[in-house]
């Protein structure tokens, strides 16, 4: 039982260490645009912030401008 718990804790530590650090910033956005994003987020069961992050990642991927991962640098 303790061995399984240690393995789970190690996996969780790896996941936390690999998560990107997030930086807060203010965003000024048109009210109608924000409402559309909020609706899309709700339809996808995401938070508005999560939806915006997903949209930005998708756009960066589509134009091949994704940030490099730490191991790729």
N, C-alpha and C. Protein backbone atom coordinates (compact mmCIF):
# COMPACT_ATOMS: atom_id res chain seq x y z
N UNK A 1 0.82 -1.20 0.00
CA UNK A 1 0.00 0.00 0.00
C UNK A 1 0.87 1.26 0.00
N UNK A 2 1.91 1.31 0.86
CA UNK A 2 2.78 2.48 0.92
C UNK A 2 3.57 2.65 -0.38
N UNK A 3 3.95 1.54 -0.99
CA UNK A 3 4.70 1.62 -2.24
C UNK A 3 3.85 2.25 -3.34
N UNK A 4 2.56 1.85 -3.41
CA UNK A 4 1.65 2.43 -4.39
C UNK A 4 1.47 3.93 -4.14
N UNK A 5 1.33 4.30 -2.88
CA UNK A 5 1.16 5.70 -2.52
C UNK A 5 2.39 6.52 -2.92
N UNK A 6 3.58 5.97 -2.70
CA UNK A 6 4.82 6.67 -3.08
C UNK A 6 4.88 6.87 -4.59
N UNK A 7 4.45 5.85 -5.35
CA UNK A 7 4.46 5.95 -6.82
C UNK A 7 3.49 7.04 -7.26
N UNK A 8 2.31 7.06 -6.66
CA UNK A 8 1.31 8.08 -7.01
C UNK A 8 1.84 9.47 -6.68
N UNK A 9 2.45 9.63 -5.52
CA UNK A 9 2.99 10.93 -5.13
C UNK A 9 4.10 11.37 -6.07
N UNK A 10 4.96 10.45 -6.49
CA UNK A 10 6.03 10.80 -7.44
C UNK A 10 5.44 11.24 -8.76
N UNK A 11 4.39 10.55 -9.25
CA UNK A 11 3.75 10.94 -10.50
C UNK A 11 3.14 12.32 -10.38
N UNK A 12 2.50 12.59 -9.23
CA UNK A 12 1.91 13.92 -9.02
C UNK A 12 2.98 15.00 -9.00
N UNK A 13 4.12 14.73 -8.37
CA UNK A 13 5.21 15.69 -8.35
C UNK A 13 5.71 15.97 -9.76
N UNK A 14 5.83 14.92 -10.58
CA UNK A 14 6.26 15.11 -11.97
C UNK A 14 5.26 15.96 -12.73
N UNK A 15 3.98 15.70 -12.54
CA UNK A 15 2.96 16.49 -13.22
C UNK A 15 3.03 17.95 -12.80
N UNK A 16 3.16 18.21 -11.52
CA UNK A 16 3.23 19.58 -11.04
C UNK A 16 4.48 20.30 -11.54
N UNK A 17 5.60 19.59 -11.59
CA UNK A 17 6.84 20.20 -12.07
C UNK A 17 6.79 20.50 -13.55
N UNK A 18 6.02 19.72 -14.32
CA UNK A 18 5.94 19.90 -15.76
C UNK A 18 4.87 20.90 -16.18
N UNK A 19 4.02 21.31 -15.25
CA UNK A 19 2.98 22.28 -15.58
C UNK A 19 3.63 23.63 -15.82
N UNK A 20 3.13 24.32 -16.84
CA UNK A 20 3.67 25.64 -17.14
C UNK A 20 3.32 26.62 -16.03
N UNK A 21 4.26 27.49 -15.73
CA UNK A 21 3.99 28.55 -14.77
C UNK A 21 3.04 29.54 -15.45
N UNK A 22 2.06 30.01 -14.72
CA UNK A 22 1.07 30.91 -15.30
C UNK A 22 1.26 32.31 -14.76
N UNK A 23 1.10 33.27 -15.63
CA UNK A 23 1.26 34.66 -15.25
C UNK A 23 -0.07 35.38 -15.47
N UNK A 24 -0.51 36.09 -14.47
CA UNK A 24 -1.76 36.84 -14.56
C UNK A 24 -1.52 38.17 -15.27
N UNK A 25 -2.51 38.58 -16.07
CA UNK A 25 -2.45 39.90 -16.68
C UNK A 25 -3.87 40.36 -17.00
N UNK A 26 -4.04 41.67 -17.11
CA UNK A 26 -5.36 42.23 -17.43
C UNK A 26 -5.58 42.17 -18.93
N UNK A 27 -6.81 41.88 -19.32
CA UNK A 27 -7.16 41.81 -20.74
C UNK A 27 -8.38 42.69 -20.98
N UNK A 28 -8.24 43.64 -21.86
CA UNK A 28 -9.39 44.46 -22.24
C UNK A 28 -9.97 43.83 -23.49
N UNK A 29 -11.27 43.55 -23.44
CA UNK A 29 -11.91 42.82 -24.52
C UNK A 29 -13.31 43.36 -24.74
N UNK A 30 -13.73 43.40 -25.97
CA UNK A 30 -15.07 43.83 -26.35
C UNK A 30 -16.10 42.96 -25.64
N UNK A 31 -17.15 43.58 -25.11
CA UNK A 31 -18.15 42.86 -24.32
C UNK A 31 -18.82 41.74 -25.11
N UNK A 32 -19.16 41.97 -26.36
CA UNK A 32 -19.82 40.94 -27.16
C UNK A 32 -18.87 39.77 -27.44
N UNK A 33 -17.62 40.09 -27.66
CA UNK A 33 -16.62 39.04 -27.89
C UNK A 33 -16.45 38.19 -26.64
N UNK A 34 -16.41 38.84 -25.48
CA UNK A 34 -16.28 38.11 -24.23
C UNK A 34 -17.49 37.20 -24.01
N UNK A 35 -18.68 37.69 -24.29
CA UNK A 35 -19.89 36.87 -24.14
C UNK A 35 -19.83 35.64 -25.04
N UNK A 36 -19.34 35.82 -26.27
CA UNK A 36 -19.23 34.69 -27.20
C UNK A 36 -18.23 33.66 -26.68
N UNK A 37 -17.10 34.12 -26.14
CA UNK A 37 -16.09 33.21 -25.58
C UNK A 37 -16.65 32.50 -24.35
N UNK A 38 -17.35 33.23 -23.50
CA UNK A 38 -17.95 32.62 -22.31
C UNK A 38 -18.95 31.53 -22.69
N UNK A 39 -19.76 31.78 -23.72
CA UNK A 39 -20.74 30.77 -24.17
C UNK A 39 -20.02 29.55 -24.72
N UNK A 40 -19.01 29.77 -25.54
CA UNK A 40 -18.23 28.67 -26.10
C UNK A 40 -17.59 27.86 -24.98
N UNK A 41 -17.03 28.55 -24.00
CA UNK A 41 -16.40 27.87 -22.86
C UNK A 41 -17.42 27.00 -22.13
N UNK A 42 -18.60 27.54 -21.88
CA UNK A 42 -19.64 26.78 -21.19
C UNK A 42 -20.05 25.55 -22.01
N UNK A 43 -20.15 25.72 -23.33
CA UNK A 43 -20.51 24.61 -24.21
C UNK A 43 -19.46 23.50 -24.17
N UNK A 44 -18.20 23.87 -23.94
CA UNK A 44 -17.09 22.91 -23.91
C UNK A 44 -16.74 22.48 -22.49
N UNK A 45 -17.53 22.93 -21.50
CA UNK A 45 -17.28 22.62 -20.08
C UNK A 45 -15.90 23.09 -19.63
N UNK A 46 -15.52 24.29 -20.07
CA UNK A 46 -14.26 24.91 -19.66
C UNK A 46 -14.57 26.23 -18.97
N UNK A 47 -13.58 26.70 -18.23
CA UNK A 47 -13.68 28.06 -17.70
C UNK A 47 -13.39 29.02 -18.85
N UNK A 48 -13.77 30.27 -18.67
CA UNK A 48 -13.47 31.27 -19.71
C UNK A 48 -11.96 31.38 -19.90
N UNK A 49 -11.22 31.40 -18.79
CA UNK A 49 -9.76 31.47 -18.88
C UNK A 49 -9.21 30.25 -19.62
N UNK A 50 -9.71 29.07 -19.29
CA UNK A 50 -9.27 27.85 -19.95
C UNK A 50 -9.58 27.87 -21.43
N UNK A 51 -10.74 28.43 -21.79
CA UNK A 51 -11.12 28.52 -23.21
C UNK A 51 -10.19 29.47 -23.95
N UNK A 52 -9.90 30.62 -23.35
CA UNK A 52 -8.98 31.57 -23.99
C UNK A 52 -7.60 30.96 -24.17
N UNK A 53 -7.14 30.25 -23.16
CA UNK A 53 -5.83 29.59 -23.24
C UNK A 53 -5.83 28.53 -24.33
N UNK A 54 -6.91 27.75 -24.43
CA UNK A 54 -7.03 26.72 -25.46
C UNK A 54 -7.02 27.37 -26.85
N UNK A 55 -7.78 28.47 -27.00
CA UNK A 55 -7.85 29.16 -28.28
C UNK A 55 -6.48 29.70 -28.70
N UNK A 56 -5.77 30.30 -27.75
CA UNK A 56 -4.44 30.83 -28.06
C UNK A 56 -3.47 29.71 -28.44
N UNK A 57 -3.51 28.60 -27.70
CA UNK A 57 -2.64 27.47 -28.03
C UNK A 57 -2.95 26.92 -29.41
N UNK A 58 -4.24 26.81 -29.74
CA UNK A 58 -4.64 26.29 -31.05
C UNK A 58 -4.16 27.22 -32.16
N UNK A 59 -4.35 28.52 -31.97
CA UNK A 59 -3.89 29.49 -32.98
C UNK A 59 -2.38 29.42 -33.17
N UNK A 60 -1.64 29.35 -32.07
CA UNK A 60 -0.18 29.26 -32.17
C UNK A 60 0.24 27.97 -32.88
N UNK A 61 -0.46 26.88 -32.59
CA UNK A 61 -0.15 25.61 -33.24
C UNK A 61 -0.44 25.69 -34.74
N UNK A 62 -1.58 26.30 -35.09
CA UNK A 62 -1.98 26.41 -36.50
C UNK A 62 -0.96 27.18 -37.34
N UNK A 63 -0.32 28.18 -36.75
CA UNK A 63 0.67 28.97 -37.49
C UNK A 63 2.10 28.55 -37.16
N UNK A 64 2.23 27.40 -36.50
CA UNK A 64 3.53 26.83 -36.14
C UNK A 64 4.40 27.80 -35.36
N UNK A 65 3.80 28.42 -34.33
CA UNK A 65 4.53 29.35 -33.47
C UNK A 65 4.38 28.98 -32.00
N UNK A 66 4.20 27.69 -31.74
CA UNK A 66 4.08 27.23 -30.36
C UNK A 66 5.37 27.48 -29.62
N UNK A 67 5.28 27.85 -28.34
CA UNK A 67 6.51 27.99 -27.55
C UNK A 67 7.18 26.63 -27.41
N UNK A 68 8.49 26.64 -27.42
CA UNK A 68 9.23 25.39 -27.28
C UNK A 68 9.11 24.87 -25.86
N UNK A 69 9.03 23.57 -25.74
CA UNK A 69 8.99 22.93 -24.41
C UNK A 69 10.38 23.00 -23.82
N UNK A 70 10.46 22.91 -22.49
CA UNK A 70 11.74 23.04 -21.79
C UNK A 70 12.78 22.07 -22.32
N UNK A 71 12.38 20.82 -22.60
CA UNK A 71 13.35 19.83 -23.06
C UNK A 71 13.77 20.08 -24.51
N UNK A 72 12.99 20.93 -25.27
CA UNK A 72 13.34 21.23 -26.65
C UNK A 72 14.31 22.40 -26.77
N UNK A 73 14.45 23.20 -25.71
CA UNK A 73 15.26 24.43 -25.77
C UNK A 73 16.70 24.14 -25.89
